[in-house]
Structure formats: structure tokens, C-alpha cells
C-alpha atoms as a PDB file:
ATOM      1  CA  MET A   1      19.256 -17.483  28.373  1.00  0.00           C
ATOM      2  CA  ILE A   2      15.745 -16.417  26.858  1.00  0.00           C
ATOM      3  CA  PRO A   3      14.454 -13.057  28.297  1.00  0.00           C
ATOM      4  CA  PRO A   4      10.912 -13.259  29.703  1.00  0.00           C
ATOM      5  CA  PHE A   5       7.990 -12.385  27.701  1.00  0.00           C
ATOM      6  CA  GLN A   6       4.196 -12.656  27.563  1.00  0.00           C
ATOM      7  CA  TYR A   7       2.772 -15.821  25.872  1.00  0.00           C
ATOM      8  CA  LYS A   8      -0.803 -15.415  24.010  1.00  0.00           C
ATOM      9  CA  ILE A   9      -2.551 -18.113  22.456  1.00  0.00           C
ATOM     10  CA  PRO A  10      -5.441 -16.732  20.071  1.00  0.00           C
ATOM     11  CA  LYS A  11      -8.308 -18.822  19.680  1.00  0.00           C
ATOM     12  CA  ASN A  12      -8.824 -17.928  16.039  1.00  0.00           C
ATOM     13  CA  LEU A  13      -7.363 -15.589  13.212  1.00  0.00           C
ATOM     14  CA  ARG A  14      -9.341 -12.631  13.902  1.00  0.00           C
ATOM     15  CA  GLU A  15      -8.183 -12.519  17.671  1.00  0.00           C
ATOM     16  CA  ALA A  16      -4.502 -13.159  16.295  1.00  0.00           C
ATOM     17  CA  CYS A  17      -4.796 -10.173  13.960  1.00  0.00           C
ATOM     18  CA  ASN A  18      -6.153  -8.045  16.883  1.00  0.00           C
ATOM     19  CA  LEU A  19      -3.230  -9.116  19.257  1.00  0.00           C
ATOM     20  CA  LEU A  20      -0.897  -8.051  16.645  1.00  0.00           C
ATOM     21  CA  TRP A  21      -2.512  -4.719  15.912  1.00  0.00           C
ATOM     22  CA  ASP A  22      -2.232  -4.050  19.570  1.00  0.00           C
ATOM     23  CA  TYR A  23       1.154  -5.032  20.312  1.00  0.00           C
ATOM     24  CA  ARG A  24       3.137  -4.185  16.592  1.00  0.00           C
ATOM     25  CA  GLU A  25       6.749  -4.249  17.141  1.00  0.00           C
ATOM     26  CA  LYS A  26       6.436  -5.488  20.649  1.00  0.00           C
ATOM     27  CA  ALA A  27       5.129  -8.891  19.430  1.00  0.00           C
ATOM     28  CA  LYS A  28       6.524 -11.744  17.428  1.00  0.00           C
ATOM     29  CA  VAL A  29       4.360 -14.628  15.967  1.00  0.00           C
ATOM     30  CA  ILE A  30       5.551 -18.106  16.525  1.00  0.00           C
ATOM     31  CA  ALA A  31       4.374 -21.215  14.875  1.00  0.00           C
ATOM     32  CA  GLY A  32       7.163 -23.890  14.478  1.00  0.00           C
ATOM     33  CA  GLY A  33       9.693 -21.643  16.191  1.00  0.00           C
ATOM     34  CA  THR A  34      12.756 -23.491  14.767  1.00  0.00           C
ATOM     35  CA  ASP A  35      14.394 -20.275  13.708  1.00  0.00           C
ATOM     36  CA  LEU A  36      12.568 -17.898  16.415  1.00  0.00           C
ATOM     37  CA  ILE A  37      13.883 -19.691  19.563  1.00  0.00           C
ATOM     38  CA  ILE A  38      17.443 -19.702  17.910  1.00  0.00           C
ATOM     39  CA  ALA A  39      17.148 -15.860  17.634  1.00  0.00           C
ATOM     40  CA  LEU A  40      15.706 -15.634  21.139  1.00  0.00           C
ATOM     41  CA  ARG A  41      18.379 -17.714  22.700  1.00  0.00           C
ATOM     42  CA  ASN A  42      20.930 -15.629  20.988  1.00  0.00           C
ATOM     43  CA  GLY A  43      19.681 -12.481  21.986  1.00  0.00           C
ATOM     44  CA  LEU A  44      18.735 -11.133  18.584  1.00  0.00           C
ATOM     45  CA  LEU A  45      15.201 -10.791  19.367  1.00  0.00           C
ATOM     46  CA  ARG A  46      13.597  -9.416  22.686  1.00  0.00           C
ATOM     47  CA  PRO A  47       9.776  -9.287  21.970  1.00  0.00           C
ATOM     48  CA  GLU A  48       7.456  -8.524  25.061  1.00  0.00           C
ATOM     49  CA  VAL A  49       4.889 -11.080  23.481  1.00  0.00           C
ATOM     50  CA  LEU A  50       4.889 -14.142  21.669  1.00  0.00           C
ATOM     51  CA  ILE A  51       1.575 -14.797  19.687  1.00  0.00           C
ATOM     52  CA  ASP A  52       1.336 -18.687  19.031  1.00  0.00           C
ATOM     53  CA  ILE A  53      -0.697 -19.345  15.915  1.00  0.00           C
ATOM     54  CA  THR A  54       0.341 -22.954  15.602  1.00  0.00           C
ATOM     55  CA  HIS A  55      -3.135 -24.527  16.120  1.00  0.00           C
ATOM     56  CA  LEU A  56      -5.333 -22.020  14.426  1.00  0.00           C
ATOM     57  CA  SER A  57      -7.469 -24.065  11.831  1.00  0.00           C
ATOM     58  CA  GLU A  58      -7.112 -21.381   9.108  1.00  0.00           C
ATOM     59  CA  LEU A  59      -3.405 -22.024   8.955  1.00  0.00           C
ATOM     60  CA  ARG A  60      -3.371 -25.794   9.078  1.00  0.00           C
ATOM     61  CA  LYS A  61      -4.960 -26.845   5.758  1.00  0.00           C
ATOM     62  CA  ILE A  62      -3.876 -28.374   2.532  1.00  0.00           C
ATOM     63  CA  GLU A  63      -6.720 -27.934   0.011  1.00  0.00           C
ATOM     64  CA  GLU A  64      -6.991 -27.833  -3.824  1.00  0.00           C
ATOM     65  CA  ARG A  65      -9.994 -25.879  -4.974  1.00  0.00           C
ATOM     66  CA  ASN A  66     -10.798 -24.811  -8.763  1.00  0.00           C
ATOM     67  CA  GLY A  67      -7.306 -25.570  -9.932  1.00  0.00           C
ATOM     68  CA  ILE A  68      -5.581 -23.863  -7.058  1.00  0.00           C
ATOM     69  CA  ILE A  69      -3.460 -25.679  -4.426  1.00  0.00           C
ATOM     70  CA  SER A  70      -3.818 -23.572  -1.149  1.00  0.00           C
ATOM     71  CA  ILE A  71      -1.160 -24.428   2.036  1.00  0.00           C
ATOM     72  CA  GLY A  72      -1.679 -23.012   5.113  1.00  0.00           C
ATOM     73  CA  GLY A  73       1.254 -20.899   6.788  1.00  0.00           C
ATOM     74  CA  ALA A  74       1.438 -23.280   9.739  1.00  0.00           C
ATOM     75  CA  VAL A  75       1.517 -26.525   7.643  1.00  0.00           C
ATOM     76  CA  THR A  76       4.699 -28.247   8.657  1.00  0.00           C
ATOM     77  CA  HIS A  77       7.377 -29.669   6.062  1.00  0.00           C
ATOM     78  CA  SER A  78       6.575 -33.123   7.013  1.00  0.00           C
ATOM     79  CA  GLU A  79       2.866 -32.488   6.286  1.00  0.00           C
ATOM     80  CA  ILE A  80       3.937 -31.066   2.963  1.00  0.00           C
ATOM     81  CA  SER A  81       6.187 -33.808   2.211  1.00  0.00           C
ATOM     82  CA  ASP A  82       3.567 -36.502   3.044  1.00  0.00           C
ATOM     83  CA  SER A  83       0.562 -34.683   1.354  1.00  0.00           C
ATOM     84  CA  PRO A  84      -0.861 -36.777  -1.502  1.00  0.00           C
ATOM     85  CA  ILE A  85      -2.240 -33.261  -3.113  1.00  0.00           C
ATOM     86  CA  ILE A  86       1.210 -31.926  -3.081  1.00  0.00           C
ATOM     87  CA  ARG A  87       2.771 -34.933  -4.460  1.00  0.00           C
ATOM     88  CA  THR A  88       0.410 -34.988  -7.234  1.00  0.00           C
ATOM     89  CA  TYR A  89      -0.013 -31.199  -8.124  1.00  0.00           C
ATOM     90  CA  GLY A  90       3.416 -29.994  -6.835  1.00  0.00           C
ATOM     91  CA  ARG A  91       5.856 -32.730  -6.423  1.00  0.00           C
ATOM     92  CA  ILE A  92       9.089 -30.266  -6.588  1.00  0.00           C
ATOM     93  CA  LEU A  93       7.614 -28.744  -3.147  1.00  0.00           C
ATOM     94  CA  SER A  94       7.071 -31.907  -1.646  1.00  0.00           C
ATOM     95  CA  GLU A  95      10.474 -33.057  -2.541  1.00  0.00           C
ATOM     96  CA  ALA A  96      12.161 -29.895  -1.406  1.00  0.00           C
ATOM     97  CA  ALA A  97      10.292 -30.132   2.023  1.00  0.00           C
ATOM     98  CA  SER A  98      11.474 -33.853   2.493  1.00  0.00           C
ATOM     99  CA  GLN A  99      15.164 -32.537   2.515  1.00  0.00           C
ATOM    100  CA  ILE A 100      14.673 -29.891   4.984  1.00  0.00           C
ATOM    101  CA  GLY A 101      16.852 -30.251   8.481  1.00  0.00           C
ATOM    102  CA  SER A 102      16.205 -33.393  10.387  1.00  0.00           C
ATOM    103  CA  PRO A 103      12.786 -35.141  11.051  1.00  0.00           C
ATOM    104  CA  GLN A 104      12.604 -33.275  14.245  1.00  0.00           C
ATOM    105  CA  ILE A 105      12.856 -30.091  12.198  1.00  0.00           C
ATOM    106  CA  ARG A 106      10.365 -31.050   9.621  1.00  0.00           C
ATOM    107  CA  ASN A 107       7.755 -32.128  12.021  1.00  0.00           C
ATOM    108  CA  THR A 108       8.130 -28.521  13.601  1.00  0.00           C
ATOM    109  CA  GLY A 109       8.952 -26.219  10.919  1.00  0.00           C
ATOM    110  CA  THR A 110       6.432 -24.475   8.846  1.00  0.00           C
ATOM    111  CA  ILE A 111       6.331 -23.389   5.465  1.00  0.00           C
ATOM    112  CA  GLY A 112       5.156 -19.874   6.412  1.00  0.00           C
ATOM    113  CA  GLY A 113       8.240 -19.704   8.775  1.00  0.00           C
ATOM    114  CA  ASN A 114      10.406 -20.959   5.984  1.00  0.00           C
ATOM    115  CA  VAL A 115       9.506 -18.033   3.740  1.00  0.00           C
ATOM    116  CA  ILE A 116       9.165 -15.239   6.308  1.00  0.00           C
ATOM    117  CA  ASN A 117      12.648 -16.167   7.743  1.00  0.00           C
ATOM    118  CA  ALA A 118      13.881 -14.999   4.272  1.00  0.00           C
ATOM    119  CA  SER A 119      17.094 -16.993   4.641  1.00  0.00           C
ATOM    120  CA  PRO A 120      18.743 -17.169   1.212  1.00  0.00           C
ATOM    121  CA  ALA A 121      19.174 -20.961   1.712  1.00  0.00           C
ATOM    122  CA  ALA A 122      15.430 -21.567   2.571  1.00  0.00           C
ATOM    123  CA  ASP A 123      14.765 -24.872   0.665  1.00  0.00           C
ATOM    124  CA  THR A 124      11.107 -24.247   0.028  1.00  0.00           C
ATOM    125  CA  LEU A 125      11.691 -20.942  -1.994  1.00  0.00           C
ATOM    126  CA  PRO A 126      13.226 -22.175  -5.256  1.00  0.00           C
ATOM    127  CA  PRO A 127      10.316 -24.590  -5.813  1.00  0.00           C
ATOM    128  CA  LEU A 128       7.854 -21.829  -4.810  1.00  0.00           C
ATOM    129  CA  MET A 129       9.611 -19.597  -7.315  1.00  0.00           C
ATOM    130  CA  VAL A 130       8.935 -22.008 -10.158  1.00  0.00           C
ATOM    131  CA  LEU A 131       5.474 -22.771  -9.092  1.00  0.00           C
ATOM    132  CA  GLU A 132       4.869 -19.088  -9.376  1.00  0.00           C
ATOM    133  CA  ALA A 133       3.311 -19.185  -5.829  1.00  0.00           C
ATOM    134  CA  MET A 134       1.475 -16.414  -4.151  1.00  0.00           C
ATOM    135  CA  GLY A 135       1.099 -15.568  -0.507  1.00  0.00           C
ATOM    136  CA  LYS A 136      -1.982 -14.339   1.216  1.00  0.00           C
ATOM    137  CA  VAL A 137      -1.327 -11.806   3.904  1.00  0.00           C
ATOM    138  CA  VAL A 138      -3.675 -11.136   6.500  1.00  0.00           C
ATOM    139  CA  SER A 139      -4.314  -8.231   9.099  1.00  0.00           C
ATOM    140  CA  LYS A 140      -6.852  -6.365  10.827  1.00  0.00           C
ATOM    141  CA  GLU A 141      -6.666  -3.810   7.812  1.00  0.00           C
ATOM    142  CA  GLY A 142      -7.752  -6.610   5.740  1.00  0.00           C
ATOM    143  CA  GLU A 143      -6.070  -9.175   3.396  1.00  0.00           C
ATOM    144  CA  LYS A 144      -4.012  -9.110   0.039  1.00  0.00           C
ATOM    145  CA  GLU A 145      -2.133 -11.579  -2.250  1.00  0.00           C
ATOM    146  CA  VAL A 146       1.318 -10.987  -3.403  1.00  0.00           C
ATOM    147  CA  PRO A 147       4.209 -13.063  -5.261  1.00  0.00           C
ATOM    148  CA  ILE A 148       6.228 -15.055  -2.958  1.00  0.00           C
ATOM    149  CA  ASP A 149       9.640 -12.951  -3.821  1.00  0.00           C
ATOM    150  CA  SER A 150       7.566  -9.647  -2.881  1.00  0.00           C
ATOM    151  CA  LEU A 151       7.436 -11.084   0.775  1.00  0.00           C
ATOM    152  CA  ILE A 152      11.218 -11.017   1.007  1.00  0.00           C
ATOM    153  CA  GLN A 153      13.178  -7.618   1.074  1.00  0.00           C
ATOM    154  CA  GLY A 154      16.831  -9.072   1.647  1.00  0.00           C
ATOM    155  CA  PRO A 155      18.480 -11.793   3.398  1.00  0.00           C
ATOM    156  CA  TYR A 156      16.852 -12.498   6.835  1.00  0.00           C
ATOM    157  CA  ARG A 157      14.284  -9.587   6.172  1.00  0.00           C
ATOM    158  CA  SER A 158      10.697  -9.975   4.957  1.00  0.00           C
ATOM    159  CA  THR A 159       8.573  -7.347   3.940  1.00  0.00           C
ATOM    160  CA  LEU A 160       5.571  -8.218   6.165  1.00  0.00           C
ATOM    161  CA  LEU A 161       4.476  -5.711   8.535  1.00  0.00           C
ATOM    162  CA  PRO A 162       4.584  -6.379  12.480  1.00  0.00           C
ATOM    163  CA  HIS A 163       0.735  -6.535  12.364  1.00  0.00           C
ATOM    164  CA  GLU A 164       0.471  -8.842   9.322  1.00  0.00           C
ATOM    165  CA  ILE A 165       0.274 -12.714   9.151  1.00  0.00           C
ATOM    166  CA  LEU A 166       1.124 -14.935   6.210  1.00  0.00           C
ATOM    167  CA  VAL A 167      -1.916 -17.011   6.325  1.00  0.00           C
ATOM    168  CA  SER A 168      -1.434 -19.411   3.215  1.00  0.00           C
ATOM    169  CA  ILE A 169       0.565 -20.090   0.221  1.00  0.00           C
ATOM    170  CA  SER A 170      -1.098 -20.849  -3.217  1.00  0.00           C
ATOM    171  CA  PHE A 171      -0.180 -22.073  -6.697  1.00  0.00           C
ATOM    172  CA  LYS A 172      -1.730 -23.325  -9.855  1.00  0.00           C
ATOM    173  CA  LYS A 173      -2.081 -27.184  -9.970  1.00  0.00           C
ATOM    174  CA  LEU A 174       0.883 -28.549 -12.305  1.00  0.00           C
ATOM    175  CA  PRO A 175      -0.565 -30.558 -15.310  1.00  0.00           C
ATOM    176  CA  PRO A 176       0.598 -34.179 -15.495  1.00  0.00           C
ATOM    177  CA  HIS A 177       3.190 -33.324 -18.444  1.00  0.00           C
ATOM    178  CA  MET A 178       5.122 -30.841 -16.545  1.00  0.00           C
ATOM    179  CA  LYS A 179       8.453 -32.305 -15.213  1.00  0.00           C
ATOM    180  CA  ASP A 180      10.427 -31.203 -12.286  1.00  0.00           C
ATOM    181  CA  SER A 181      13.976 -31.556 -10.558  1.00  0.00           C
ATOM    182  CA  PHE A 182      14.951 -30.041  -7.275  1.00  0.00           C
ATOM    183  CA  ILE A 183      18.794 -30.492  -6.303  1.00  0.00           C
ATOM    184  CA  ARG A 184      20.173 -29.663  -3.041  1.00  0.00           C
ATOM    185  CA  LEU A 185      24.072 -29.390  -2.139  1.00  0.00           C
ATOM    186  CA  ALA A 186      25.092 -29.074   1.516  1.00  0.00           C
ATOM    187  CA  ARG A 187      28.245 -29.714   3.477  1.00  0.00           C
ATOM    188  CA  ARG A 188      26.667 -33.008   4.579  1.00  0.00           C
ATOM    189  CA  ASP A 189      23.544 -35.043   4.717  1.00  0.00           C
ATOM    190  CA  GLY A 190      20.792 -34.295   7.413  1.00  0.00           C
ATOM    191  CA  MET A 191      20.676 -30.839   9.043  1.00  0.00           C
ATOM    192  CA  ALA A 192      23.097 -28.953   7.063  1.00  0.00           C
ATOM    193  CA  ILE A 193      22.074 -25.755   5.550  1.00  0.00           C
ATOM    194  CA  ALA A 194      22.041 -25.810   1.604  1.00  0.00           C
ATOM    195  CA  ARG A 195      24.878 -24.180   0.070  1.00  0.00           C
ATOM    196  CA  MET A 196      22.957 -24.202  -3.104  1.00  0.00           C
ATOM    197  CA  SER A 197      19.878 -25.541  -4.701  1.00  0.00           C
ATOM    198  CA  ILE A 198      18.144 -25.397  -7.946  1.00  0.00           C
ATOM    199  CA  ALA A 199      14.491 -26.058  -8.885  1.00  0.00           C
ATOM    200  CA  VAL A 200      13.393 -26.624 -12.379  1.00  0.00           C
ATOM    201  CA  LEU A 201      10.108 -27.054 -14.103  1.00  0.00           C
ATOM    202  CA  LEU A 202       9.790 -27.862 -17.685  1.00  0.00           C
ATOM    203  CA  GLN A 203       7.382 -29.501 -20.434  1.00  0.00           C
ATOM    204  CA  ARG A 204       9.019 -32.121 -22.751  1.00  0.00           C
ATOM    205  CA  GLU A 205       7.504 -32.163 -26.298  1.00  0.00           C
ATOM    206  CA  GLY A 206       9.588 -34.758 -28.267  1.00  0.00           C
ATOM    207  CA  ASN A 207      13.107 -33.426 -27.982  1.00  0.00           C
ATOM    208  CA  ARG A 208      12.125 -29.906 -27.335  1.00  0.00           C
ATOM    209  CA  MET A 209      11.996 -27.963 -24.050  1.00  0.00           C
ATOM    210  CA  LYS A 210       8.718 -25.770 -23.193  1.00  0.00           C
ATOM    211  CA  GLU A 211       7.588 -23.666 -20.362  1.00  0.00           C
ATOM    212  CA  VAL A 212      11.249 -23.830 -18.729  1.00  0.00           C
ATOM    213  CA  ARG A 213      11.054 -22.502 -15.203  1.00  0.00           C
ATOM    214  CA  ILE A 214      14.515 -22.112 -13.384  1.00  0.00           C
ATOM    215  CA  SER A 215      15.035 -20.900  -9.740  1.00  0.00           C
ATOM    216  CA  VAL A 216      18.213 -21.014  -7.577  1.00  0.00           C
ATOM    217  CA  GLY A 217      18.660 -20.979  -3.868  1.00  0.00           C
ATOM    218  CA  ALA A 218      21.587 -19.745  -1.384  1.00  0.00           C
ATOM    219  CA  ILE A 219      23.423 -18.023  -4.356  1.00  0.00           C
ATOM    220  CA  THR A 220      21.703 -14.964  -4.520  1.00  0.00           C
ATOM    221  CA  PRO A 221      20.457 -12.755  -1.557  1.00  0.00           C
ATOM    222  CA  THR A 222      16.744 -13.090  -2.441  1.00  0.00           C
ATOM    223  CA  PRO A 223      14.834 -15.717  -4.707  1.00  0.00           C
ATOM    224  CA  GLN A 224      15.410 -15.346  -8.168  1.00  0.00           C
ATOM    225  CA  ARG A 225      13.945 -16.807 -11.466  1.00  0.00           C
ATOM    226  CA  MET A 226      16.896 -17.223 -14.123  1.00  0.00           C
ATOM    227  CA  LYS A 227      14.757 -15.531 -16.912  1.00  0.00           C
ATOM    228  CA  GLU A 228      18.117 -15.387 -19.170  1.00  0.00           C
ATOM    229  CA  ALA A 229      18.583 -18.892 -18.933  1.00  0.00           C
ATOM    230  CA  GLU A 230      15.191 -19.862 -19.271  1.00  0.00           C
ATOM    231  CA  SER A 231      14.905 -17.786 -22.501  1.00  0.00           C
ATOM    232  CA  LEU A 232      17.922 -19.560 -23.696  1.00  0.00           C
ATOM    233  CA  LEU A 233      16.294 -23.167 -23.318  1.00  0.00           C
ATOM    234  CA  GLU A 234      12.470 -22.200 -24.005  1.00  0.00           C
ATOM    235  CA  ASP A 235      11.095 -24.049 -27.118  1.00  0.00           C
ATOM    236  CA  GLN A 236      14.603 -25.083 -27.950  1.00  0.00           C
ATOM    237  CA  PRO A 237      15.896 -28.567 -28.752  1.00  0.00           C
ATOM    238  CA  PHE A 238      17.706 -30.505 -25.810  1.00  0.00           C
ATOM    239  CA  ASP A 239      21.235 -30.027 -26.521  1.00  0.00           C
ATOM    240  CA  LEU A 240      24.124 -30.191 -23.864  1.00  0.00           C
ATOM    241  CA  GLU A 241      26.076 -27.087 -25.636  1.00  0.00           C
ATOM    242  CA  ARG A 242      22.764 -25.320 -25.184  1.00  0.00           C
ATOM    243  CA  LEU A 243      22.605 -26.567 -21.528  1.00  0.00           C
ATOM    244  CA  ARG A 244      26.306 -25.193 -20.953  1.00  0.00           C
ATOM    245  CA  VAL A 245      25.460 -21.686 -22.205  1.00  0.00           C
ATOM    246  CA  ALA A 246      22.461 -21.340 -19.988  1.00  0.00           C
ATOM    247  CA  SER A 247      24.587 -22.853 -17.012  1.00  0.00           C
ATOM    248  CA  GLU A 248      26.934 -20.021 -17.665  1.00  0.00           C
ATOM    249  CA  LYS A 249      24.152 -17.410 -17.460  1.00  0.00           C
ATOM    250  CA  VAL A 250      22.961 -18.744 -14.097  1.00  0.00           C
ATOM    251  CA  SER A 251      26.603 -18.546 -12.839  1.00  0.00           C
ATOM    252  CA  SER A 252      26.861 -14.848 -14.228  1.00  0.00           C
ATOM    253  CA  GLU A 253      23.575 -13.942 -12.452  1.00  0.00           C
ATOM    254  CA  MET A 254      24.938 -15.235  -9.208  1.00  0.00           C
ATOM    255  CA  VAL A 255      28.051 -13.049  -9.632  1.00  0.00           C
ATOM    256  CA  LEU A 256      25.758  -9.998 -10.676  1.00  0.00           C
ATOM    257  CA  ARG A 257      23.396 -10.357  -7.531  1.00  0.00           C
ATOM    258  CA  SER A 258      25.998 -11.624  -4.906  1.00  0.00           C
ATOM    259  CA  GLY A 259      29.212  -9.951  -6.154  1.00  0.00           C
ATOM    260  CA  VAL A 260      32.813 -11.738  -6.265  1.00  0.00           C
ATOM    261  CA  ARG A 261      33.445 -13.373  -2.936  1.00  0.00           C
ATOM    262  CA  PRO A 262      36.072 -15.894  -1.734  1.00  0.00           C
ATOM    263  CA  SER A 263      33.589 -18.559  -2.425  1.00  0.00           C
ATOM    264  CA  THR A 264      32.865 -17.561  -5.842  1.00  0.00           C
ATOM    265  CA  SER A 265      35.823 -19.525  -7.382  1.00  0.00           C
ATOM    266  CA  TYR A 266      34.155 -22.581  -5.814  1.00  0.00           C
ATOM    267  CA  LYS A 267      30.255 -21.813  -6.220  1.00  0.00           C
ATOM    268  CA  SER A 268      30.672 -20.776 -10.071  1.00  0.00           C
ATOM    269  CA  PRO A 269      31.666 -24.307 -11.443  1.00  0.00           C
ATOM    270  CA  VAL A 270      29.378 -26.086  -9.157  1.00  0.00           C
ATOM    271  CA  VAL A 271      26.358 -24.005  -9.800  1.00  0.00           C
ATOM    272  CA  LYS A 272      27.118 -24.747 -13.765  1.00  0.00           C
ATOM    273  CA  ALA A 273      27.363 -28.459 -13.064  1.00  0.00           C
ATOM    274  CA  LEU A 274      24.309 -28.675 -10.769  1.00  0.00           C
ATOM    275  CA  MET A 275      22.275 -26.417 -13.335  1.00  0.00           C
ATOM    276  CA  MET A 276      23.008 -28.867 -16.084  1.00  0.00           C
ATOM    277  CA  ARG A 277      22.277 -31.964 -14.147  1.00  0.00           C
ATOM    278  CA  ALA A 278      18.964 -30.424 -12.992  1.00  0.00           C
ATOM    279  CA  ILE A 279      17.762 -29.899 -16.398  1.00  0.00           C
ATOM    280  CA  GLN A 280      18.921 -33.322 -17.485  1.00  0.00           C
ATOM    281  CA  GLN A 281      17.163 -34.770 -14.753  1.00  0.00           C
ATOM    282  CA  ALA A 282      13.898 -33.149 -15.542  1.00  0.00           C
ATOM    283  CA  PHE A 283      14.055 -33.686 -19.184  1.00  0.00           C
ATOM    284  CA  GLU A 284      15.307 -37.278 -19.215  1.00  0.00           C
ATOM    285  CA  ASN A 285      14.720 -39.122 -16.180  1.00  0.00           C
ATOM    286  CA  ARG A 286      11.615 -37.876 -14.337  1.00  0.00           C
ATOM    287  CA  PRO A 287       8.107 -39.592 -15.315  1.00  0.00           C
END
């Protein structure tokens, strides 16, 4: 049973910030609520106040301005998946959003919630990492912009303070020559949480790879760019042996960050195979 709480619906962002300032640790923000409601039902959270920011206009926009794409924190996964702007200038995020959960979850869950919940398996995090996205955080004290990975302290722990709101997420428009790939592996189709995922962005010049960006999901405690693997592939000819070595680096990084676990013997060869597949897909098959 969900314990009783007060329910506040602020009229604008300023009022929401004032409410959070007043209630601090006693309050929780709700937008989609797909994760929060479960935590309430399981007794993991017992806030005195829920502050509903779902309908705040400042958090409901997808915009392109001066080469920057901005997505409000309360924009749903379905809206991201269907957005012509995101499909054109950040397709890898659109593709990831289209694979989250069920239609009901995609219609309700928000990108801000997906980030702040800080699940290692969050599907939007690897694409946001390779897009080099920034989060705009607002409170009564003012506003700041921080890299997406700086918003995550550890599994299911964000760095957001109790009186702060993730208002929007932004990234630079991808140029037309950038290619992408997002691969997600789960126990089954549909609502399963990802066991691992890989996001890749790269530029192809003839047979060479440029601007290689790689990030993984569900195999490290927090979002990570695979810098060593990127360096091995950057400005190099496309070569299967080179991909194999880079995939070994990704597997090694997984073990370094997560330690050796019972699942490591399964995950290690699988992440290598997914890594090679993701690079090949981005390099060879995507328009």
C-alpha cells in the first residue's frame, strides 16, 4: 500500500522550485512516475509531498535553436521517438527511446526521469553519452548546465539535490555524415530491462573511421564512454581485427568498473560480439 502524502501541482517552474525549496528532503518530484510509483508501492520511498511537474510548459518542449537540440525533462519517450527533430539530428536517441519498455511506459515515462533514476540499464543514457549531452538543472538558487554523466553518482543515485529539477537535456545537432548504431540486448522483447546496450557514433571517410564515440549500458555502474576503444579506432581503416582488439578493451573496461561477477563469463564474450556488431552496423549499413 502506498503511504499517504500531499499532492502539489505547481502552475509554473518558479512555483515548483519554491515548493522544493520549502519541502526539501520531504518532497519528491513526479512526472511520468514509472519508477517512482513502484518505489512508493514497495515502501522504498515515503515522501510527505509529491510535486507534479508533468504539465509544466518549460519541461514539455523539443526545440532546435542555433545548432542545439533541447529536450524538456518531462518529454516522454514516445514523443522523443516520434519527433522529426530528434529523428533528423539525434536519431540514435530516437531509436533508443522507441525500444524502452511497453507502449504504456513509453507514453508515460520521461527522459528526465530515465536519467535521474540513474539505473545502469537506462536505455537513453548510452545515446546521451555519445551525443555529449548536457543537463540544465534549475532551483531557487539559480541554474547550471552539467554533463549528463555528472548527474549520476552511482547505481540509482543521482547527484541532483532535493531542491533541484532537471529541466532539460541538450546536445549539438549531429551533421548528416555522422552514422549511428544502438543495440540493446534483453531477456525477451517488450518490457524487459536491458542486460546490455551499446551506442556508437562515427563518421566514415572512405574506408576510415573518424569521430568515433562509444558508450555502453548495463555493464558498468555508471555511464561510461569507452575512450580506449575509441582511440584504437579513431582515424583508422575499418578492419575486423582492429574491431576485435577494441571489443577486448570494452570487455576489460567492464571488468575493471564492475569487478568479476557470476555473470562475467556470460557478459564478456557477448559484449565483445555486440561491440563488433554495433561498429559494423554503423560503418557499413546505416545511411
